Amino acid sequence: MIKRPLCTACILFLAVQAARVCIFQSAGDLKPSALESVVSEGTPVTLTGTVSRIEEKEKVTAVRLDDNAVSALGQQISEPKLLVYINPDEIETKVNMGNVIQVEGEVSLFDRARNPGTFDQKAYYQRQGVHVLVWAEKVTVRSADTDEIKEFLARLRTRWKEMLTEYLGEYYGNTMSAILLGEKSGLDEEMKKLYQKNGIGHLLAINCTKLNPCVLC
């Protein structure tokens, strides 16, 4: 039995998030960023940025970095936002919200939609101001200062997911977590493919706006 307060909260949250998608769907600069204009797939880079978001995925830790200073192809480039994938099996460095970290790795560029109606990864991230993904090969914490507020919100997000799975079960709880929280680590793969196949994969990230950015694989 689903408790009524939780069910009502989910419906209200969905309504608010859907409205936000309509407002921000066309927002964002789709032109290439300074870094994107210079690099290509596999370009080695070294960068320093501030951790603003962390999401534990099945195989990698996805880290959003702000205010980045990037060294690439002999050039020094300022890049407001970057997405970094860290493989915990290869790099054991622990990072927290607010840390300033240095990353050495290789560039990976986002994919365009291959078919009409399917998820356009490149356009999706560009609307959030993220133009480049970096696969980390080495991570060094330059400043251990932690943003306690963001850390608290991250813990709250985790607790919300636990409540959804507790009341709705693993299958439906993880689906609602993907829709409401952008937390897709436990989402059933067949469900995810079904959303993308029908051209509604963006519903799995309706909370991913400039007000509440997340990372979508």
N, C-alpha and C. Protein backbone atom coordinates (compact mmCIF):
# COMPACT_ATOMS: atom_id res chain seq x y z
N MET A 1 0.84 -1.20 0.00
CA MET A 1 0.00 0.00 0.00
C MET A 1 0.88 1.25 0.00
N ILE A 2 0.67 2.16 -0.96
CA ILE A 2 1.44 3.39 -1.04
C ILE A 2 0.81 4.43 -0.13
N LYS A 3 1.57 5.01 0.74
CA LYS A 3 1.05 6.02 1.65
C LYS A 3 0.63 7.25 0.86
N ARG A 4 -0.56 7.80 1.17
CA ARG A 4 -1.12 8.91 0.43
C ARG A 4 -0.23 10.14 0.40
N PRO A 5 0.41 10.58 1.52
CA PRO A 5 1.25 11.78 1.46
C PRO A 5 2.38 11.64 0.45
N LEU A 6 3.00 10.45 0.39
CA LEU A 6 4.10 10.26 -0.56
C LEU A 6 3.58 10.31 -1.98
N CYS A 7 2.43 9.65 -2.25
CA CYS A 7 1.85 9.64 -3.58
C CYS A 7 1.50 11.05 -4.04
N THR A 8 0.88 11.83 -3.14
CA THR A 8 0.51 13.21 -3.46
C THR A 8 1.74 14.05 -3.75
N ALA A 9 2.79 13.85 -2.95
CA ALA A 9 4.03 14.60 -3.15
C ALA A 9 4.64 14.28 -4.50
N CYS A 10 4.60 13.02 -4.91
CA CYS A 10 5.15 12.61 -6.21
C CYS A 10 4.42 13.30 -7.35
N ILE A 11 3.08 13.34 -7.26
CA ILE A 11 2.28 13.96 -8.32
C ILE A 11 2.58 15.45 -8.42
N LEU A 12 2.64 16.12 -7.27
CA LEU A 12 2.94 17.55 -7.27
C LEU A 12 4.32 17.83 -7.82
N PHE A 13 5.28 16.98 -7.43
CA PHE A 13 6.66 17.15 -7.89
C PHE A 13 6.73 16.99 -9.41
N LEU A 14 6.04 15.98 -9.93
CA LEU A 14 6.01 15.76 -11.38
C LEU A 14 5.43 16.95 -12.12
N ALA A 15 4.34 17.53 -11.58
CA ALA A 15 3.71 18.67 -12.23
C ALA A 15 4.65 19.87 -12.28
N VAL A 16 5.35 20.13 -11.17
CA VAL A 16 6.29 21.24 -11.13
C VAL A 16 7.44 21.02 -12.09
N GLN A 17 7.99 19.81 -12.11
CA GLN A 17 9.12 19.52 -12.97
C GLN A 17 8.73 19.59 -14.44
N ALA A 18 7.54 19.12 -14.78
CA ALA A 18 7.10 19.19 -16.17
C ALA A 18 6.99 20.64 -16.63
N ALA A 19 6.51 21.51 -15.74
CA ALA A 19 6.41 22.93 -16.07
C ALA A 19 7.79 23.52 -16.29
N ARG A 20 8.76 23.09 -15.49
CA ARG A 20 10.12 23.59 -15.63
C ARG A 20 10.74 23.17 -16.95
N VAL A 21 10.41 21.95 -17.41
CA VAL A 21 10.93 21.49 -18.68
C VAL A 21 10.44 22.38 -19.81
N CYS A 22 9.16 22.73 -19.77
CA CYS A 22 8.60 23.59 -20.81
C CYS A 22 9.29 24.95 -20.83
N ILE A 23 9.65 25.44 -19.66
CA ILE A 23 10.27 26.76 -19.56
C ILE A 23 11.69 26.73 -20.07
N PHE A 24 12.44 25.69 -19.71
CA PHE A 24 13.87 25.66 -20.00
C PHE A 24 14.25 24.80 -21.20
N GLN A 25 13.26 24.18 -21.85
CA GLN A 25 13.59 23.24 -22.92
C GLN A 25 14.38 23.90 -24.04
N SER A 26 14.06 25.14 -24.35
CA SER A 26 14.74 25.81 -25.45
C SER A 26 15.88 26.69 -24.96
N ALA A 27 16.12 26.69 -23.65
CA ALA A 27 17.15 27.55 -23.09
C ALA A 27 18.52 26.94 -23.32
N GLY A 28 19.54 27.77 -23.25
CA GLY A 28 20.90 27.28 -23.34
C GLY A 28 21.55 27.64 -24.66
N ASP A 29 22.84 27.72 -24.65
CA ASP A 29 23.62 28.08 -25.83
C ASP A 29 24.04 26.81 -26.55
N LEU A 30 23.52 26.60 -27.78
CA LEU A 30 23.83 25.40 -28.54
C LEU A 30 25.06 25.57 -29.42
N LYS A 31 25.68 26.72 -29.36
CA LYS A 31 26.92 26.92 -30.11
C LYS A 31 28.06 26.19 -29.40
N PRO A 32 29.08 25.76 -30.13
CA PRO A 32 30.23 25.09 -29.50
C PRO A 32 30.91 26.01 -28.49
N SER A 33 31.35 25.44 -27.38
CA SER A 33 32.09 26.22 -26.40
C SER A 33 33.53 26.41 -26.88
N ALA A 34 34.29 27.22 -26.14
CA ALA A 34 35.69 27.47 -26.52
C ALA A 34 36.48 26.17 -26.56
N LEU A 35 36.25 25.30 -25.57
CA LEU A 35 36.99 24.03 -25.53
C LEU A 35 36.53 23.09 -26.63
N GLU A 36 35.23 22.98 -26.83
CA GLU A 36 34.69 22.07 -27.84
C GLU A 36 35.20 22.44 -29.24
N SER A 37 35.41 23.74 -29.47
CA SER A 37 35.87 24.20 -30.77
C SER A 37 37.31 23.79 -31.06
N VAL A 38 38.06 23.48 -30.02
CA VAL A 38 39.49 23.18 -30.16
C VAL A 38 39.78 21.69 -30.18
N VAL A 39 39.09 20.93 -29.32
CA VAL A 39 39.43 19.52 -29.13
C VAL A 39 38.65 18.61 -30.06
N SER A 40 39.05 17.35 -30.08
CA SER A 40 38.33 16.31 -30.80
C SER A 40 38.31 15.06 -29.93
N GLU A 41 37.64 14.01 -30.39
CA GLU A 41 37.55 12.78 -29.62
C GLU A 41 38.93 12.23 -29.29
N GLY A 42 39.18 12.01 -27.97
CA GLY A 42 40.44 11.43 -27.54
C GLY A 42 41.54 12.42 -27.25
N THR A 43 41.29 13.73 -27.41
CA THR A 43 42.30 14.74 -27.11
C THR A 43 42.68 14.70 -25.63
N PRO A 44 43.97 14.61 -25.29
CA PRO A 44 44.38 14.63 -23.88
C PRO A 44 44.26 16.05 -23.31
N VAL A 45 43.74 16.16 -22.08
CA VAL A 45 43.59 17.46 -21.43
C VAL A 45 43.98 17.36 -19.97
N THR A 46 44.35 18.50 -19.41
CA THR A 46 44.55 18.65 -17.96
C THR A 46 43.70 19.83 -17.53
N LEU A 47 42.92 19.65 -16.48
CA LEU A 47 42.01 20.72 -16.07
C LEU A 47 41.90 20.80 -14.56
N THR A 48 41.51 21.97 -14.09
CA THR A 48 41.23 22.20 -12.67
C THR A 48 39.87 22.85 -12.55
N GLY A 49 38.98 22.29 -11.70
CA GLY A 49 37.64 22.83 -11.53
C GLY A 49 37.07 22.51 -10.16
N THR A 50 35.90 23.09 -9.86
CA THR A 50 35.24 22.91 -8.58
C THR A 50 34.07 21.94 -8.70
N VAL A 51 34.03 20.94 -7.84
CA VAL A 51 32.99 19.92 -7.87
C VAL A 51 31.64 20.51 -7.46
N SER A 52 30.65 20.41 -8.37
CA SER A 52 29.33 20.94 -8.08
C SER A 52 28.25 19.87 -8.04
N ARG A 53 28.58 18.67 -8.53
CA ARG A 53 27.60 17.58 -8.52
C ARG A 53 28.32 16.25 -8.62
N ILE A 54 27.85 15.24 -7.88
CA ILE A 54 28.42 13.90 -7.92
C ILE A 54 27.29 12.89 -8.02
N GLU A 55 27.42 11.94 -8.93
CA GLU A 55 26.44 10.87 -9.04
C GLU A 55 27.15 9.54 -9.22
N GLU A 56 26.84 8.61 -8.34
CA GLU A 56 27.42 7.27 -8.43
C GLU A 56 26.61 6.46 -9.42
N LYS A 57 27.24 6.09 -10.53
CA LYS A 57 26.58 5.27 -11.53
C LYS A 57 27.07 3.84 -11.41
N GLU A 58 26.60 2.98 -12.29
CA GLU A 58 26.91 1.55 -12.16
C GLU A 58 28.40 1.27 -12.30
N LYS A 59 29.08 1.93 -13.25
CA LYS A 59 30.48 1.64 -13.51
C LYS A 59 31.40 2.83 -13.28
N VAL A 60 30.85 4.04 -13.21
CA VAL A 60 31.68 5.23 -13.04
C VAL A 60 31.05 6.18 -12.04
N THR A 61 31.87 7.11 -11.55
CA THR A 61 31.37 8.23 -10.76
C THR A 61 31.34 9.44 -11.68
N ALA A 62 30.16 10.01 -11.88
CA ALA A 62 29.99 11.16 -12.76
C ALA A 62 30.09 12.43 -11.93
N VAL A 63 31.03 13.30 -12.28
CA VAL A 63 31.29 14.51 -11.51
C VAL A 63 31.11 15.73 -12.40
N ARG A 64 30.29 16.68 -11.95
CA ARG A 64 30.13 17.94 -12.66
C ARG A 64 31.10 18.95 -12.06
N LEU A 65 31.87 19.62 -12.92
CA LEU A 65 32.84 20.62 -12.48
C LEU A 65 32.49 21.99 -13.03
N ASP A 66 32.64 23.02 -12.19
CA ASP A 66 32.40 24.41 -12.58
C ASP A 66 33.70 25.19 -12.58
N ASP A 67 33.70 26.31 -13.32
CA ASP A 67 34.83 27.26 -13.33
C ASP A 67 36.15 26.56 -13.64
N ASN A 68 36.19 25.93 -14.80
CA ASN A 68 37.34 25.10 -15.16
C ASN A 68 38.42 25.86 -15.94
N ALA A 69 39.66 25.61 -15.57
CA ALA A 69 40.82 26.07 -16.33
C ALA A 69 41.40 24.84 -17.01
N VAL A 70 41.41 24.84 -18.34
CA VAL A 70 41.77 23.65 -19.11
C VAL A 70 43.02 23.91 -19.94
N SER A 71 43.92 22.93 -19.92
CA SER A 71 45.09 22.96 -20.78
C SER A 71 44.92 21.86 -21.82
N ALA A 72 44.87 22.28 -23.13
CA ALA A 72 44.66 21.33 -24.20
C ALA A 72 45.36 21.79 -25.46
N LEU A 73 46.14 20.92 -26.07
CA LEU A 73 46.82 21.22 -27.33
C LEU A 73 47.64 22.50 -27.25
N GLY A 74 48.28 22.69 -26.10
CA GLY A 74 49.14 23.85 -25.92
C GLY A 74 48.40 25.15 -25.64
N GLN A 75 47.10 25.08 -25.44
CA GLN A 75 46.31 26.28 -25.18
C GLN A 75 45.73 26.24 -23.77
N GLN A 76 45.52 27.42 -23.19
CA GLN A 76 44.86 27.56 -21.89
C GLN A 76 43.45 28.08 -22.15
N ILE A 77 42.44 27.31 -21.73
CA ILE A 77 41.05 27.63 -22.07
C ILE A 77 40.20 27.64 -20.80
N SER A 78 39.33 28.64 -20.70
CA SER A 78 38.36 28.69 -19.60
C SER A 78 37.06 28.05 -20.06
N GLU A 79 36.58 27.09 -19.29
CA GLU A 79 35.34 26.37 -19.63
C GLU A 79 34.44 26.37 -18.40
N PRO A 80 33.28 27.05 -18.46
CA PRO A 80 32.41 27.19 -17.28
C PRO A 80 31.99 25.86 -16.66
N LYS A 81 31.63 24.87 -17.49
CA LYS A 81 31.12 23.60 -16.97
C LYS A 81 31.71 22.43 -17.75
N LEU A 82 31.98 21.36 -17.03
CA LEU A 82 32.48 20.12 -17.64
C LEU A 82 31.88 18.93 -16.92
N LEU A 83 31.79 17.82 -17.61
CA LEU A 83 31.39 16.55 -17.00
C LEU A 83 32.59 15.62 -17.03
N VAL A 84 32.91 15.03 -15.88
CA VAL A 84 34.06 14.13 -15.77
C VAL A 84 33.59 12.77 -15.29
N TYR A 85 34.02 11.71 -15.97
CA TYR A 85 33.73 10.34 -15.54
C TYR A 85 34.99 9.79 -14.87
N ILE A 86 34.81 9.31 -13.65
CA ILE A 86 35.90 8.72 -12.88
C ILE A 86 35.60 7.24 -12.66
N ASN A 87 36.53 6.38 -13.03
CA ASN A 87 36.38 4.94 -12.82
C ASN A 87 36.93 4.60 -11.44
N PRO A 88 36.05 4.26 -10.48
CA PRO A 88 36.51 3.98 -9.11
C PRO A 88 37.43 2.77 -9.01
N ASP A 89 37.40 1.89 -10.01
CA ASP A 89 38.28 0.73 -10.01
C ASP A 89 39.71 1.10 -10.37
N GLU A 90 39.87 2.23 -11.06
CA GLU A 90 41.19 2.67 -11.49
C GLU A 90 41.70 3.86 -10.70
N ILE A 91 40.78 4.70 -10.24
CA ILE A 91 41.15 5.91 -9.48
C ILE A 91 40.41 5.90 -8.16
N GLU A 92 41.12 5.83 -7.07
CA GLU A 92 40.50 5.69 -5.75
C GLU A 92 40.33 7.02 -5.03
N THR A 93 40.69 8.14 -5.68
CA THR A 93 40.58 9.44 -5.03
C THR A 93 39.12 9.76 -4.71
N LYS A 94 38.84 10.11 -3.47
CA LYS A 94 37.50 10.47 -3.03
C LYS A 94 37.31 11.98 -3.17
N VAL A 95 36.24 12.39 -3.85
CA VAL A 95 35.97 13.81 -4.00
C VAL A 95 34.62 14.14 -3.38
N ASN A 96 34.49 15.37 -2.89
CA ASN A 96 33.26 15.84 -2.26
C ASN A 96 32.81 17.13 -2.91
N MET A 97 31.56 17.49 -2.66
CA MET A 97 31.02 18.75 -3.17
C MET A 97 31.87 19.92 -2.68
N GLY A 98 32.24 20.80 -3.60
CA GLY A 98 33.02 21.98 -3.23
C GLY A 98 34.51 21.80 -3.35
N ASN A 99 34.98 20.55 -3.48
CA ASN A 99 36.42 20.32 -3.67
C ASN A 99 36.90 20.94 -4.98
N VAL A 100 38.13 21.42 -4.98
CA VAL A 100 38.79 21.83 -6.22
C VAL A 100 39.72 20.68 -6.60
N ILE A 101 39.52 20.12 -7.78
CA ILE A 101 40.30 18.97 -8.20
C ILE A 101 41.01 19.23 -9.53
N GLN A 102 42.10 18.52 -9.71
CA GLN A 102 42.82 18.55 -10.99
C GLN A 102 42.63 17.19 -11.65
N VAL A 103 42.29 17.22 -12.92
CA VAL A 103 42.00 15.99 -13.67
C VAL A 103 42.87 15.92 -14.91
N GLU A 104 43.47 14.76 -15.12
CA GLU A 104 44.16 14.47 -16.37
C GLU A 104 43.38 13.35 -17.05
N GLY A 105 43.07 13.55 -18.33
CA GLY A 105 42.29 12.53 -19.01
C GLY A 105 42.12 12.83 -20.48
N GLU A 106 41.12 12.17 -21.09
CA GLU A 106 40.87 12.32 -22.52
C GLU A 106 39.45 12.80 -22.76
N VAL A 107 39.30 13.59 -23.81
CA VAL A 107 38.01 14.16 -24.18
C VAL A 107 37.13 13.12 -24.87
N SER A 108 35.83 13.18 -24.55
CA SER A 108 34.83 12.41 -25.28
C SER A 108 33.70 13.37 -25.61
N LEU A 109 33.31 13.45 -26.87
CA LEU A 109 32.26 14.38 -27.29
C LEU A 109 30.90 13.70 -27.27
N PHE A 110 29.87 14.45 -26.95
CA PHE A 110 28.52 13.90 -26.84
C PHE A 110 27.96 13.55 -28.22
N ASP A 111 27.06 12.56 -28.23
CA ASP A 111 26.47 12.07 -29.48
C ASP A 111 25.22 12.87 -29.86
N ARG A 112 25.02 13.03 -31.14
CA ARG A 112 23.79 13.58 -31.67
C ARG A 112 22.74 12.46 -31.76
N ALA A 113 21.47 12.85 -31.82
CA ALA A 113 20.40 11.86 -32.00
C ALA A 113 20.56 11.21 -33.37
N ARG A 114 20.53 9.89 -33.42
CA ARG A 114 20.71 9.18 -34.68
C ARG A 114 19.42 9.06 -35.48
N ASN A 115 18.30 9.07 -34.76
CA ASN A 115 17.00 8.97 -35.42
C ASN A 115 16.05 10.02 -34.87
N PRO A 116 15.10 10.49 -35.69
CA PRO A 116 14.13 11.48 -35.22
C PRO A 116 13.36 10.98 -34.00
N GLY A 117 13.25 11.85 -32.99
CA GLY A 117 12.50 11.49 -31.79
C GLY A 117 13.29 10.80 -30.71
N THR A 118 14.55 10.40 -31.02
CA THR A 118 15.37 9.74 -30.00
C THR A 118 16.14 10.78 -29.20
N PHE A 119 16.71 10.34 -28.10
CA PHE A 119 17.40 11.24 -27.18
C PHE A 119 18.63 11.85 -27.83
N ASP A 120 18.71 13.19 -27.80
CA ASP A 120 19.85 13.91 -28.36
C ASP A 120 20.76 14.31 -27.20
N GLN A 121 21.78 13.48 -26.95
CA GLN A 121 22.67 13.70 -25.80
C GLN A 121 23.40 15.04 -25.91
N LYS A 122 23.86 15.38 -27.11
CA LYS A 122 24.63 16.61 -27.30
C LYS A 122 23.78 17.84 -26.99
N ALA A 123 22.60 17.91 -27.59
CA ALA A 123 21.72 19.06 -27.36
C ALA A 123 21.30 19.14 -25.89
N TYR A 124 21.04 17.99 -25.30
CA TYR A 124 20.62 17.96 -23.89
C TYR A 124 21.65 18.59 -22.97
N TYR A 125 22.91 18.19 -23.13
CA TYR A 125 23.96 18.73 -22.27
C TYR A 125 24.28 20.17 -22.60
N GLN A 126 24.24 20.53 -23.87
CA GLN A 126 24.55 21.90 -24.24
C GLN A 126 23.54 22.87 -23.65
N ARG A 127 22.29 22.45 -23.53
CA ARG A 127 21.28 23.33 -22.91
C ARG A 127 21.61 23.59 -21.44
N GLN A 128 22.42 22.72 -20.85
CA GLN A 128 22.85 22.92 -19.47
C GLN A 128 24.20 23.62 -19.38
N GLY A 129 24.76 23.94 -20.55
CA GLY A 129 26.06 24.62 -20.56
C GLY A 129 27.24 23.67 -20.52
N VAL A 130 26.99 22.37 -20.71
CA VAL A 130 28.07 21.37 -20.70
C VAL A 130 28.32 20.91 -22.13
N HIS A 131 29.53 21.11 -22.62
CA HIS A 131 29.85 20.79 -24.01
C HIS A 131 30.83 19.64 -24.17
N VAL A 132 31.54 19.29 -23.10
CA VAL A 132 32.60 18.30 -23.22
C VAL A 132 32.58 17.35 -22.02
N LEU A 133 32.81 16.06 -22.31
CA LEU A 133 32.99 15.04 -21.28
C LEU A 133 34.45 14.63 -21.25
N VAL A 134 34.99 14.43 -20.05
CA VAL A 134 36.38 13.99 -19.90
C VAL A 134 36.41 12.69 -19.10
N TRP A 135 37.08 11.70 -19.66
CA TRP A 135 37.32 10.45 -18.94
C TRP A 135 38.62 10.61 -18.16
N ALA A 136 38.52 10.58 -16.84
CA ALA A 136 39.68 10.85 -15.98
C ALA A 136 40.65 9.67 -15.96
N GLU A 137 41.93 9.97 -16.05
CA GLU A 137 42.99 8.98 -15.90
C GLU A 137 43.76 9.21 -14.61
N LYS A 138 43.69 10.46 -14.11
CA LYS A 138 44.33 10.81 -12.85
C LYS A 138 43.56 11.95 -12.21
N VAL A 139 43.30 11.85 -10.90
CA VAL A 139 42.56 12.88 -10.18
C VAL A 139 43.34 13.27 -8.93
N THR A 140 43.53 14.58 -8.73
CA THR A 140 44.22 15.09 -7.55
C THR A 140 43.36 16.16 -6.90
N VAL A 141 43.13 16.05 -5.59
CA VAL A 141 42.36 17.06 -4.86
C VAL A 141 43.28 18.22 -4.51
N ARG A 142 43.00 19.39 -5.05
CA ARG A 142 43.81 20.58 -4.79
C ARG A 142 43.31 21.36 -3.59
N SER A 143 42.02 21.31 -3.34
CA SER A 143 41.44 21.95 -2.16
C SER A 143 40.35 21.05 -1.61
N ALA A 144 40.45 20.72 -0.31
CA ALA A 144 39.50 19.81 0.30
C ALA A 144 38.31 20.53 0.91
N ASP A 145 38.16 21.83 0.66
CA ASP A 145 37.01 22.58 1.17
C ASP A 145 35.73 21.93 0.64
N THR A 146 34.76 21.73 1.53
CA THR A 146 33.53 21.03 1.18
C THR A 146 32.33 21.95 1.29
N ASP A 147 31.43 21.87 0.32
CA ASP A 147 30.17 22.61 0.35
C ASP A 147 29.17 21.79 1.15
N GLU A 148 29.01 22.15 2.42
CA GLU A 148 28.18 21.34 3.32
C GLU A 148 26.71 21.34 2.90
N ILE A 149 26.23 22.44 2.34
CA ILE A 149 24.83 22.50 1.92
C ILE A 149 24.56 21.51 0.79
N LYS A 150 25.44 21.49 -0.21
CA LYS A 150 25.26 20.55 -1.32
C LYS A 150 25.43 19.11 -0.87
N GLU A 151 26.33 18.89 0.10
CA GLU A 151 26.48 17.54 0.63
C GLU A 151 25.19 17.09 1.33
N PHE A 152 24.57 18.02 2.07
CA PHE A 152 23.30 17.72 2.75
C PHE A 152 22.21 17.39 1.74
N LEU A 153 22.13 18.19 0.67
CA LEU A 153 21.11 17.96 -0.34
C LEU A 153 21.33 16.63 -1.06
N ALA A 154 22.59 16.26 -1.25
CA ALA A 154 22.89 14.97 -1.88
C ALA A 154 22.42 13.82 -0.99
N ARG A 155 22.63 13.95 0.32
CA ARG A 155 22.17 12.92 1.25
C ARG A 155 20.64 12.86 1.27
N LEU A 156 20.00 14.04 1.17
CA LEU A 156 18.54 14.10 1.15
C LEU A 156 17.99 13.41 -0.10
N ARG A 157 18.68 13.62 -1.21
CA ARG A 157 18.29 12.98 -2.47
C ARG A 157 18.38 11.46 -2.35
N THR A 158 19.45 10.99 -1.71
CA THR A 158 19.62 9.55 -1.51
C THR A 158 18.51 8.99 -0.64
N ARG A 159 18.14 9.73 0.41
CA ARG A 159 17.09 9.29 1.32
C ARG A 159 15.74 9.24 0.62
N TRP A 160 15.50 10.23 -0.27
CA TRP A 160 14.25 10.26 -1.02
C TRP A 160 14.14 9.01 -1.89
N LYS A 161 15.25 8.62 -2.53
CA LYS A 161 15.24 7.43 -3.36
C LYS A 161 14.94 6.18 -2.51
N GLU A 162 15.54 6.12 -1.33
CA GLU A 162 15.30 4.99 -0.44
C GLU A 162 13.82 4.89 -0.07
N MET A 163 13.18 6.04 0.15
CA MET A 163 11.75 6.05 0.48
C MET A 163 10.91 5.57 -0.69
N LEU A 164 11.27 6.01 -1.91
CA LEU A 164 10.51 5.59 -3.09
C LEU A 164 10.60 4.07 -3.28
N THR A 165 11.79 3.51 -3.15
CA THR A 165 11.93 2.07 -3.33
C THR A 165 11.28 1.30 -2.18
N GLU A 166 11.27 1.92 -0.99
CA GLU A 166 10.64 1.26 0.16
C GLU A 166 9.13 1.15 -0.02
N TYR A 167 8.50 2.22 -0.52
CA TYR A 167 7.05 2.24 -0.65
C TYR A 167 6.55 1.66 -1.96
N LEU A 168 7.34 1.80 -3.04
CA LEU A 168 6.89 1.37 -4.36
C LEU A 168 7.52 0.08 -4.83
N GLY A 169 8.55 -0.39 -4.13
CA GLY A 169 9.28 -1.56 -4.58
C GLY A 169 10.43 -1.17 -5.48
N GLU A 170 11.34 -2.12 -5.75
CA GLU A 170 12.55 -1.83 -6.50
C GLU A 170 12.24 -1.34 -7.93
N TYR A 171 11.37 -2.04 -8.63
CA TYR A 171 11.12 -1.72 -10.03
C TYR A 171 10.49 -0.33 -10.19
N TYR A 172 9.35 -0.11 -9.56
CA TYR A 172 8.66 1.16 -9.71
C TYR A 172 9.35 2.28 -8.93
N GLY A 173 9.97 1.92 -7.80
CA GLY A 173 10.68 2.93 -7.02
C GLY A 173 11.86 3.51 -7.78
N ASN A 174 12.63 2.64 -8.46
CA ASN A 174 13.77 3.11 -9.25
C ASN A 174 13.31 3.90 -10.47
N THR A 175 12.17 3.52 -11.04
CA THR A 175 11.63 4.28 -12.18
C THR A 175 11.24 5.68 -11.74
N MET A 176 10.57 5.79 -10.60
CA MET A 176 10.18 7.11 -10.09
C MET A 176 11.41 7.91 -9.68
N SER A 177 12.43 7.24 -9.18
CA SER A 177 13.67 7.94 -8.82
C SER A 177 14.32 8.56 -10.05
N ALA A 178 14.26 7.84 -11.17
CA ALA A 178 14.83 8.36 -12.41
C ALA A 178 14.06 9.58 -12.88
N ILE A 179 12.74 9.55 -12.76
CA ILE A 179 11.90 10.66 -13.22
C ILE A 179 11.99 11.85 -12.29
N LEU A 180 11.88 11.60 -11.00
CA LEU A 180 11.82 12.70 -10.03
C LEU A 180 13.19 13.25 -9.66
N LEU A 181 14.18 12.37 -9.56
CA LEU A 181 15.47 12.77 -9.01
C LEU A 181 16.61 12.74 -10.01
N GLY A 182 16.37 12.18 -11.19
CA GLY A 182 17.46 12.02 -12.14
C GLY A 182 18.43 10.94 -11.71
N GLU A 183 18.02 10.09 -10.78
CA GLU A 183 18.86 9.02 -10.24
C GLU A 183 18.54 7.74 -10.99
N LYS A 184 19.40 7.39 -11.97
CA LYS A 184 19.09 6.28 -12.87
C LYS A 184 19.93 5.04 -12.64
N SER A 185 20.71 5.02 -11.56
CA SER A 185 21.61 3.89 -11.34
C SER A 185 20.87 2.57 -11.15
N GLY A 186 19.64 2.61 -10.63
CA GLY A 186 18.90 1.37 -10.42
C GLY A 186 17.79 1.15 -11.42
N LEU A 187 17.72 1.99 -12.46
CA LEU A 187 16.64 1.90 -13.43
C LEU A 187 16.76 0.65 -14.29
N ASP A 188 15.66 -0.05 -14.47
CA ASP A 188 15.64 -1.24 -15.30
C ASP A 188 16.02 -0.87 -16.74
N GLU A 189 16.97 -1.61 -17.32
CA GLU A 189 17.48 -1.29 -18.65
C GLU A 189 16.40 -1.37 -19.72
N GLU A 190 15.51 -2.33 -19.59
CA GLU A 190 14.43 -2.46 -20.58
C GLU A 190 13.49 -1.27 -20.51
N MET A 191 13.24 -0.78 -19.30
CA MET A 191 12.40 0.40 -19.14
C MET A 191 13.06 1.62 -19.78
N LYS A 192 14.36 1.78 -19.56
CA LYS A 192 15.09 2.91 -20.12
C LYS A 192 15.07 2.86 -21.65
N LYS A 193 15.30 1.67 -22.22
CA LYS A 193 15.29 1.53 -23.67
C LYS A 193 13.91 1.82 -24.23
N LEU A 194 12.86 1.44 -23.49
CA LEU A 194 11.49 1.67 -23.94
C LEU A 194 11.21 3.16 -24.03
N TYR A 195 11.64 3.92 -23.02
CA TYR A 195 11.45 5.37 -23.03
C TYR A 195 12.17 5.98 -24.22
N GLN A 196 13.42 5.57 -24.44
CA GLN A 196 14.21 6.15 -25.52
C GLN A 196 13.67 5.75 -26.88
N LYS A 197 13.23 4.50 -27.02
CA LYS A 197 12.70 4.01 -28.29
C LYS A 197 11.47 4.80 -28.71
N ASN A 198 10.66 5.21 -27.75
CA ASN A 198 9.43 5.94 -28.05
C ASN A 198 9.63 7.44 -28.05
N GLY A 199 10.92 7.88 -27.99
CA GLY A 199 11.20 9.30 -28.09
C GLY A 199 10.83 10.11 -26.87
N ILE A 200 10.71 9.47 -25.70
CA ILE A 200 10.36 10.20 -24.49
C ILE A 200 11.42 9.99 -23.42
N GLY A 201 12.66 9.73 -23.84
CA GLY A 201 13.75 9.54 -22.88
C GLY A 201 13.98 10.76 -22.03
N HIS A 202 13.58 11.95 -22.56
CA HIS A 202 13.78 13.17 -21.78
C HIS A 202 12.97 13.17 -20.49
N LEU A 203 11.90 12.35 -20.41
CA LEU A 203 11.11 12.28 -19.19
C LEU A 203 11.90 11.70 -18.04
N LEU A 204 12.96 10.94 -18.37
CA LEU A 204 13.81 10.38 -17.33
C LEU A 204 14.76 11.42 -16.77
N ALA A 205 14.67 12.63 -17.27
CA ALA A 205 15.57 13.69 -16.81
C ALA A 205 14.83 15.00 -16.71
N ILE A 206 13.54 14.98 -16.39
CA ILE A 206 12.77 16.21 -16.38
C ILE A 206 13.20 17.15 -15.27
N ASN A 207 13.95 16.65 -14.29
CA ASN A 207 14.44 17.53 -13.25
C ASN A 207 15.79 18.12 -13.59
N CYS A 208 16.32 17.85 -14.78
CA CYS A 208 17.67 18.28 -15.13
C CYS A 208 17.64 19.62 -15.83
N THR A 209 17.39 20.67 -15.12
CA THR A 209 17.37 22.00 -15.68
C THR A 209 18.47 22.81 -15.05
N LYS A 210 18.56 24.07 -15.44
CA LYS A 210 19.60 24.92 -14.88
C LYS A 210 19.42 25.11 -13.38
N LEU A 211 18.17 24.94 -12.90
CA LEU A 211 17.92 25.10 -11.47
C LEU A 211 18.34 23.87 -10.69
N ASN A 212 18.35 22.72 -11.35
CA ASN A 212 18.67 21.47 -10.65
C ASN A 212 19.34 20.50 -11.61
N PRO A 213 20.58 20.79 -12.03
CA PRO A 213 21.23 19.98 -13.04
C PRO A 213 21.61 18.61 -12.52
N CYS A 214 21.57 17.63 -13.42
CA CYS A 214 22.03 16.29 -13.06
C CYS A 214 22.83 15.74 -14.23
N VAL A 215 23.25 14.50 -14.08
CA VAL A 215 24.01 13.89 -15.16
C VAL A 215 23.24 12.72 -15.70
N LEU A 216 23.18 12.68 -17.02
CA LEU A 216 22.45 11.61 -17.67
C LEU A 216 23.39 10.87 -18.59
N CYS A 217 23.50 9.59 -18.40
CA CYS A 217 24.43 8.83 -19.23
C CYS A 217 23.89 8.69 -20.63
